[in-house]
Amino acid sequence: MGRLKKVVIENVIGSKLKANKTILCSDARISYKRFAIDNEIEHHTLKARVKQRVKNKIYHIQHVNSTHNRVKK
């Protein structure tokens, strides 16, 4: 599908999130970072390249990965 752009993130989830009340956990793509900054959302990145799946024992993306995998099946 190509590179994920900030405008796509905005269109898909932008209206569902509230500034200063949302925490976004994602990979380190710059589009997520820009989206979080523009929408005043706390953002924590996980680096898949080094197999980082949990950050500070709180922030993780395994639930999302698991759900995504089940939807694909």
PDB file of N, CA and C in Angstrom:
ATOM      1  N   MET A   1       0.811  -1.197   0.000  1.00  0.00           N
ATOM      2  CA  MET A   1       0.000   0.000   0.000  1.00  0.00           C
ATOM      3  C   MET A   1       0.857   1.265   0.000  1.00  0.00           C
ATOM      4  N   GLY A   2       2.162   1.113   0.134  1.00  0.00           N
ATOM      5  CA  GLY A   2       3.031   2.280   0.125  1.00  0.00           C
ATOM      6  C   GLY A   2       3.215   2.869   1.506  1.00  0.00           C
ATOM      7  N   ARG A   3       3.884   3.987   1.536  1.00  0.00           N
ATOM      8  CA  ARG A   3       4.157   4.661   2.815  1.00  0.00           C
ATOM      9  C   ARG A   3       2.886   5.241   3.403  1.00  0.00           C
ATOM     10  N   LEU A   4       2.770   5.095   4.704  1.00  0.00           N
ATOM     11  CA  LEU A   4       1.631   5.632   5.425  1.00  0.00           C
ATOM     12  C   LEU A   4       1.822   7.140   5.598  1.00  0.00           C
ATOM     13  N   LYS A   5       0.841   7.907   5.191  1.00  0.00           N
ATOM     14  CA  LYS A   5       0.932   9.359   5.274  1.00  0.00           C
ATOM     15  C   LYS A   5       0.072   9.881   6.419  1.00  0.00           C
ATOM     16  N   LYS A   6       0.483  11.030   6.940  1.00  0.00           N
ATOM     17  CA  LYS A   6      -0.219  11.647   8.067  1.00  0.00           C
ATOM     18  C   LYS A   6      -1.685  11.886   7.732  1.00  0.00           C
ATOM     19  N   VAL A   7      -1.986  12.305   6.524  1.00  0.00           N
ATOM     20  CA  VAL A   7      -3.369  12.593   6.133  1.00  0.00           C
ATOM     21  C   VAL A   7      -4.235  11.334   6.212  1.00  0.00           C
ATOM     22  N   VAL A   8      -3.669  10.188   5.911  1.00  0.00           N
ATOM     23  CA  VAL A   8      -4.413   8.927   5.997  1.00  0.00           C
ATOM     24  C   VAL A   8      -4.714   8.606   7.462  1.00  0.00           C
ATOM     25  N   ILE A   9      -3.718   8.787   8.335  1.00  0.00           N
ATOM     26  CA  ILE A   9      -3.930   8.559   9.763  1.00  0.00           C
ATOM     27  C   ILE A   9      -5.033   9.484  10.264  1.00  0.00           C
ATOM     28  N   GLU A  10      -4.955  10.741   9.878  1.00  0.00           N
ATOM     29  CA  GLU A  10      -5.958  11.735  10.279  1.00  0.00           C
ATOM     30  C   GLU A  10      -7.358  11.309   9.832  1.00  0.00           C
ATOM     31  N   ASN A  11      -7.479  10.859   8.600  1.00  0.00           N
ATOM     32  CA  ASN A  11      -8.784  10.458   8.064  1.00  0.00           C
ATOM     33  C   ASN A  11      -9.352   9.223   8.759  1.00  0.00           C
ATOM     34  N   VAL A  12      -8.486   8.297   9.149  1.00  0.00           N
ATOM     35  CA  VAL A  12      -8.951   7.037   9.723  1.00  0.00           C
ATOM     36  C   VAL A  12      -9.244   7.156  11.221  1.00  0.00           C
ATOM     37  N   ILE A  13      -8.348   7.766  11.976  1.00  0.00           N
ATOM     38  CA  ILE A  13      -8.542   7.791  13.426  1.00  0.00           C
ATOM     39  C   ILE A  13      -8.597   9.190  14.033  1.00  0.00           C
ATOM     40  N   GLY A  14      -8.351  10.201  13.257  1.00  0.00           N
ATOM     41  CA  GLY A  14      -8.268  11.563  13.782  1.00  0.00           C
ATOM     42  C   GLY A  14      -9.465  12.007  14.591  1.00  0.00           C
ATOM     43  N   SER A  15     -10.650  11.715  14.137  1.00  0.00           N
ATOM     44  CA  SER A  15     -11.855  12.167  14.841  1.00  0.00           C
ATOM     45  C   SER A  15     -12.168  11.323  16.082  1.00  0.00           C
ATOM     46  N   LYS A  16     -11.473  10.220  16.255  1.00  0.00           N
ATOM     47  CA  LYS A  16     -11.743   9.317  17.372  1.00  0.00           C
ATOM     48  C   LYS A  16     -10.854   9.596  18.585  1.00  0.00           C
ATOM     49  N   LEU A  17      -9.868  10.465  18.425  1.00  0.00           N
ATOM     50  CA  LEU A  17      -8.905  10.725  19.488  1.00  0.00           C
ATOM     51  C   LEU A  17      -9.069  12.131  20.047  1.00  0.00           C
ATOM     52  N   LYS A  18      -8.759  12.283  21.327  1.00  0.00           N
ATOM     53  CA  LYS A  18      -8.879  13.585  21.971  1.00  0.00           C
ATOM     54  C   LYS A  18      -7.503  14.062  22.417  1.00  0.00           C
ATOM     55  N   ALA A  19      -7.207  15.320  22.141  1.00  0.00           N
ATOM     56  CA  ALA A  19      -5.943  15.916  22.559  1.00  0.00           C
ATOM     57  C   ALA A  19      -5.806  15.822  24.061  1.00  0.00           C
ATOM     58  N   ASN A  20      -4.590  15.540  24.506  1.00  0.00           N
ATOM     59  CA  ASN A  20      -4.249  15.460  25.928  1.00  0.00           C
ATOM     60  C   ASN A  20      -4.972  14.351  26.674  1.00  0.00           C
ATOM     61  N   LYS A  21      -5.705  13.476  25.983  1.00  0.00           N
ATOM     62  CA  LYS A  21      -6.392  12.360  26.647  1.00  0.00           C
ATOM     63  C   LYS A  21      -6.090  11.034  25.959  1.00  0.00           C
ATOM     64  N   THR A  22      -5.171  11.057  25.007  1.00  0.00           N
ATOM     65  CA  THR A  22      -4.877   9.875  24.215  1.00  0.00           C
ATOM     66  C   THR A  22      -3.387   9.589  24.255  1.00  0.00           C
ATOM     67  N   ILE A  23      -3.043   8.313  24.300  1.00  0.00           N
ATOM     68  CA  ILE A  23      -1.651   7.893  24.177  1.00  0.00           C
ATOM     69  C   ILE A  23      -1.566   7.013  22.940  1.00  0.00           C
ATOM     70  N   LEU A  24      -0.717   7.385  22.023  1.00  0.00           N
ATOM     71  CA  LEU A  24      -0.517   6.641  20.781  1.00  0.00           C
ATOM     72  C   LEU A  24       0.786   5.864  20.885  1.00  0.00           C
ATOM     73  N   CYS A  25       0.718   4.553  20.685  1.00  0.00           N
ATOM     74  CA  CYS A  25       1.909   3.702  20.617  1.00  0.00           C
ATOM     75  C   CYS A  25       2.011   3.222  19.176  1.00  0.00           C
ATOM     76  N   SER A  26       3.178   3.425  18.590  1.00  0.00           N
ATOM     77  CA  SER A  26       3.342   3.044  17.183  1.00  0.00           C
ATOM     78  C   SER A  26       4.789   2.714  16.891  1.00  0.00           C
ATOM     79  N   ASP A  27       5.025   2.332  15.650  1.00  0.00           N
ATOM     80  CA  ASP A  27       6.406   2.228  15.215  1.00  0.00           C
ATOM     81  C   ASP A  27       6.940   3.655  15.036  1.00  0.00           C
ATOM     82  N   ALA A  28       8.154   3.778  14.585  1.00  0.00           N
ATOM     83  CA  ALA A  28       8.806   5.087  14.563  1.00  0.00           C
ATOM     84  C   ALA A  28       8.598   5.870  13.260  1.00  0.00           C
ATOM     85  N   ARG A  29       7.604   5.524  12.479  1.00  0.00           N
ATOM     86  CA  ARG A  29       7.357   6.283  11.241  1.00  0.00           C
ATOM     87  C   ARG A  29       7.098   7.743  11.546  1.00  0.00           C
ATOM     88  N   ILE A  30       7.673   8.599  10.738  1.00  0.00           N
ATOM     89  CA  ILE A  30       7.556  10.037  10.944  1.00  0.00           C
ATOM     90  C   ILE A  30       6.113  10.514  10.819  1.00  0.00           C
ATOM     91  N   SER A  31       5.291   9.833  10.044  1.00  0.00           N
ATOM     92  CA  SER A  31       3.897  10.251   9.874  1.00  0.00           C
ATOM     93  C   SER A  31       3.130  10.157  11.198  1.00  0.00           C
ATOM     94  N   TYR A  32       3.419   9.139  12.023  1.00  0.00           N
ATOM     95  CA  TYR A  32       2.777   9.040  13.337  1.00  0.00           C
ATOM     96  C   TYR A  32       3.245  10.178  14.242  1.00  0.00           C
ATOM     97  N   LYS A  33       4.531  10.463  14.186  1.00  0.00           N
ATOM     98  CA  LYS A  33       5.085  11.544  15.010  1.00  0.00           C
ATOM     99  C   LYS A  33       4.436  12.880  14.658  1.00  0.00           C
ATOM    100  N   ARG A  34       4.341  13.181  13.372  1.00  0.00           N
ATOM    101  CA  ARG A  34       3.708  14.431  12.935  1.00  0.00           C
ATOM    102  C   ARG A  34       2.244  14.482  13.346  1.00  0.00           C
ATOM    103  N   PHE A  35       1.545  13.374  13.176  1.00  0.00           N
ATOM    104  CA  PHE A  35       0.141  13.309  13.566  1.00  0.00           C
ATOM    105  C   PHE A  35      -0.016  13.601  15.055  1.00  0.00           C
ATOM    106  N   ALA A  36       0.821  12.971  15.878  1.00  0.00           N
ATOM    107  CA  ALA A  36       0.739  13.159  17.329  1.00  0.00           C
ATOM    108  C   ALA A  36       1.034  14.603  17.724  1.00  0.00           C
ATOM    109  N   ILE A  37       2.040  15.194  17.124  1.00  0.00           N
ATOM    110  CA  ILE A  37       2.386  16.582  17.428  1.00  0.00           C
ATOM    111  C   ILE A  37       1.253  17.512  17.030  1.00  0.00           C
ATOM    112  N   ASP A  38       0.759  17.358  15.812  1.00  0.00           N
ATOM    113  CA  ASP A  38      -0.306  18.231  15.311  1.00  0.00           C
ATOM    114  C   ASP A  38      -1.590  18.127  16.129  1.00  0.00           C
ATOM    115  N   ASN A  39      -1.822  16.955  16.723  1.00  0.00           N
ATOM    116  CA  ASN A  39      -3.064  16.725  17.465  1.00  0.00           C
ATOM    117  C   ASN A  39      -2.868  16.711  18.978  1.00  0.00           C
ATOM    118  N   GLU A  40      -1.692  17.116  19.435  1.00  0.00           N
ATOM    119  CA  GLU A  40      -1.381  17.195  20.867  1.00  0.00           C
ATOM    120  C   GLU A  40      -1.649  15.877  21.579  1.00  0.00           C
ATOM    121  N   ILE A  41      -1.140  14.802  20.999  1.00  0.00           N
ATOM    122  CA  ILE A  41      -1.325  13.458  21.536  1.00  0.00           C
ATOM    123  C   ILE A  41       0.014  12.937  22.038  1.00  0.00           C
ATOM    124  N   GLU A  42       0.003  12.356  23.238  1.00  0.00           N
ATOM    125  CA  GLU A  42       1.213  11.729  23.764  1.00  0.00           C
ATOM    126  C   GLU A  42       1.573  10.554  22.858  1.00  0.00           C
ATOM    127  N   HIS A  43       2.850  10.439  22.490  1.00  0.00           N
ATOM    128  CA  HIS A  43       3.263   9.433  21.519  1.00  0.00           C
ATOM    129  C   HIS A  43       4.486   8.676  22.022  1.00  0.00           C
ATOM    130  N   HIS A  44       4.409   7.352  21.993  1.00  0.00           N
ATOM    131  CA  HIS A  44       5.528   6.492  22.363  1.00  0.00           C
ATOM    132  C   HIS A  44       5.831   5.582  21.187  1.00  0.00           C
ATOM    133  N   THR A  45       7.083   5.583  20.776  1.00  0.00           N
ATOM    134  CA  THR A  45       7.475   4.764  19.633  1.00  0.00           C
ATOM    135  C   THR A  45       8.194   3.507  20.099  1.00  0.00           C
ATOM    136  N   LEU A  46       7.983   2.447  19.345  1.00  0.00           N
ATOM    137  CA  LEU A  46       8.667   1.191  19.575  1.00  0.00           C
ATOM    138  C   LEU A  46       9.457   0.863  18.312  1.00  0.00           C
ATOM    139  N   LYS A  47      10.675   0.409  18.494  1.00  0.00           N
ATOM    140  CA  LYS A  47      11.567   0.170  17.362  1.00  0.00           C
ATOM    141  C   LYS A  47      11.566  -1.307  16.982  1.00  0.00           C
ATOM    142  N   ALA A  48      10.842  -1.630  15.935  1.00  0.00           N
ATOM    143  CA  ALA A  48      10.729  -3.017  15.485  1.00  0.00           C
ATOM    144  C   ALA A  48      12.077  -3.550  15.002  1.00  0.00           C
ATOM    145  N   ARG A  49      12.896  -2.662  14.486  1.00  0.00           N
ATOM    146  CA  ARG A  49      14.194  -3.071  13.950  1.00  0.00           C
ATOM    147  C   ARG A  49      15.043  -3.783  15.003  1.00  0.00           C
ATOM    148  N   VAL A  50      14.896  -3.367  16.243  1.00  0.00           N
ATOM    149  CA  VAL A  50      15.640  -3.998  17.336  1.00  0.00           C
ATOM    150  C   VAL A  50      14.720  -4.876  18.192  1.00  0.00           C
ATOM    151  N   LYS A  51      13.582  -5.217  17.621  1.00  0.00           N
ATOM    152  CA  LYS A  51      12.586  -6.111  18.247  1.00  0.00           C
ATOM    153  C   LYS A  51      12.083  -5.572  19.589  1.00  0.00           C
ATOM    154  N   GLN A  52      11.942  -4.255  19.674  1.00  0.00           N
ATOM    155  CA  GLN A  52      11.381  -3.642  20.881  1.00  0.00           C
ATOM    156  C   GLN A  52       9.869  -3.758  20.791  1.00  0.00           C
ATOM    157  N   ARG A  53       9.270  -4.478  21.725  1.00  0.00           N
ATOM    158  CA  ARG A  53       7.826  -4.675  21.706  1.00  0.00           C
ATOM    159  C   ARG A  53       7.137  -4.027  22.902  1.00  0.00           C
ATOM    160  N   VAL A  54       7.922  -3.715  23.922  1.00  0.00           N
ATOM    161  CA  VAL A  54       7.401  -3.078  25.130  1.00  0.00           C
ATOM    162  C   VAL A  54       8.347  -1.952  25.525  1.00  0.00           C
ATOM    163  N   LYS A  55       7.772  -0.859  25.975  1.00  0.00           N
ATOM    164  CA  LYS A  55       8.578   0.280  26.412  1.00  0.00           C
ATOM    165  C   LYS A  55       8.117   0.679  27.804  1.00  0.00           C
ATOM    166  N   ASN A  56       9.056   0.780  28.727  1.00  0.00           N
ATOM    167  CA  ASN A  56       8.778   1.160  30.112  1.00  0.00           C
ATOM    168  C   ASN A  56       7.780   0.227  30.798  1.00  0.00           C
ATOM    169  N   LYS A  57       7.682  -0.999  30.346  1.00  0.00           N
ATOM    170  CA  LYS A  57       6.776  -2.009  30.906  1.00  0.00           C
ATOM    171  C   LYS A  57       5.303  -1.595  30.844  1.00  0.00           C
ATOM    172  N   ILE A  58       4.995  -0.579  30.073  1.00  0.00           N
ATOM    173  CA  ILE A  58       3.621  -0.085  29.987  1.00  0.00           C
ATOM    174  C   ILE A  58       3.136  -0.041  28.543  1.00  0.00           C
ATOM    175  N   TYR A  59       3.940   0.536  27.680  1.00  0.00           N
ATOM    176  CA  TYR A  59       3.530   0.801  26.305  1.00  0.00           C
ATOM    177  C   TYR A  59       3.933  -0.368  25.412  1.00  0.00           C
ATOM    178  N   HIS A  60       2.930  -0.951  24.757  1.00  0.00           N
ATOM    179  CA  HIS A  60       3.221  -2.079  23.870  1.00  0.00           C
ATOM    180  C   HIS A  60       2.237  -2.088  22.706  1.00  0.00           C
ATOM    181  N   ILE A  61       2.613  -2.815  21.677  1.00  0.00           N
ATOM    182  CA  ILE A  61       1.743  -2.915  20.505  1.00  0.00           C
ATOM    183  C   ILE A  61       1.326  -4.360  20.245  1.00  0.00           C
ATOM    184  N   GLN A  62       1.623  -5.248  21.168  1.00  0.00           N
ATOM    185  CA  GLN A  62       1.295  -6.647  20.945  1.00  0.00           C
ATOM    186  C   GLN A  62      -0.208  -6.896  20.823  1.00  0.00           C
ATOM    187  N   HIS A  63      -1.021  -6.181  21.572  1.00  0.00           N
ATOM    188  CA  HIS A  63      -2.471  -6.351  21.466  1.00  0.00           C
ATOM    189  C   HIS A  63      -2.940  -5.981  20.061  1.00  0.00           C
ATOM    190  N   VAL A  64      -2.442  -4.888  19.558  1.00  0.00           N
ATOM    191  CA  VAL A  64      -2.806  -4.460  18.202  1.00  0.00           C
ATOM    192  C   VAL A  64      -2.310  -5.474  17.180  1.00  0.00           C
ATOM    193  N   ASN A  65      -1.075  -5.926  17.331  1.00  0.00           N
ATOM    194  CA  ASN A  65      -0.537  -6.924  16.402  1.00  0.00           C
ATOM    195  C   ASN A  65      -1.358  -8.211  16.428  1.00  0.00           C
ATOM    196  N   SER A  66      -1.759  -8.636  17.602  1.00  0.00           N
ATOM    197  CA  SER A  66      -2.558  -9.852  17.739  1.00  0.00           C
ATOM    198  C   SER A  66      -3.924  -9.692  17.067  1.00  0.00           C
ATOM    199  N   THR A  67      -4.573  -8.571  17.317  1.00  0.00           N
ATOM    200  CA  THR A  67      -5.880  -8.310  16.694  1.00  0.00           C
ATOM    201  C   THR A  67      -5.746  -8.252  15.179  1.00  0.00           C
ATOM    202  N   HIS A  68      -4.742  -7.576  14.703  1.00  0.00           N
ATOM    203  CA  HIS A  68      -4.508  -7.464  13.254  1.00  0.00           C
ATOM    204  C   HIS A  68      -4.316  -8.840  12.641  1.00  0.00           C
ATOM    205  N   ASN A  69      -3.549  -9.693  13.307  1.00  0.00           N
ATOM    206  CA  ASN A  69      -3.299 -11.041  12.818  1.00  0.00           C
ATOM    207  C   ASN A  69      -4.596 -11.840  12.744  1.00  0.00           C
ATOM    208  N   ARG A  70      -5.448 -11.747  13.773  1.00  0.00           N
ATOM    209  CA  ARG A  70      -6.725 -12.474  13.760  1.00  0.00           C
ATOM    210  C   ARG A  70      -7.645 -11.975  12.644  1.00  0.00           C
ATOM    211  N   VAL A  71      -7.636 -10.672  12.407  1.00  0.00           N
ATOM    212  CA  VAL A  71      -8.476 -10.124  11.336  1.00  0.00           C
ATOM    213  C   VAL A  71      -8.003 -10.652   9.971  1.00  0.00           C
ATOM    214  N   LYS A  72      -6.694 -10.728   9.779  1.00  0.00           N
ATOM    215  CA  LYS A  72      -6.163 -11.243   8.520  1.00  0.00           C
ATOM    216  C   LYS A  72      -6.571 -12.689   8.281  1.00  0.00           C
ATOM    217  N   LYS A  73      -6.597 -13.494   9.375  1.00  0.00           N
ATOM    218  CA  LYS A  73      -6.955 -14.899   9.240  1.00  0.00           C
ATOM    219  C   LYS A  73      -8.430 -15.032   8.966  1.00  0.00           C
TER     220      LYS A  73
END
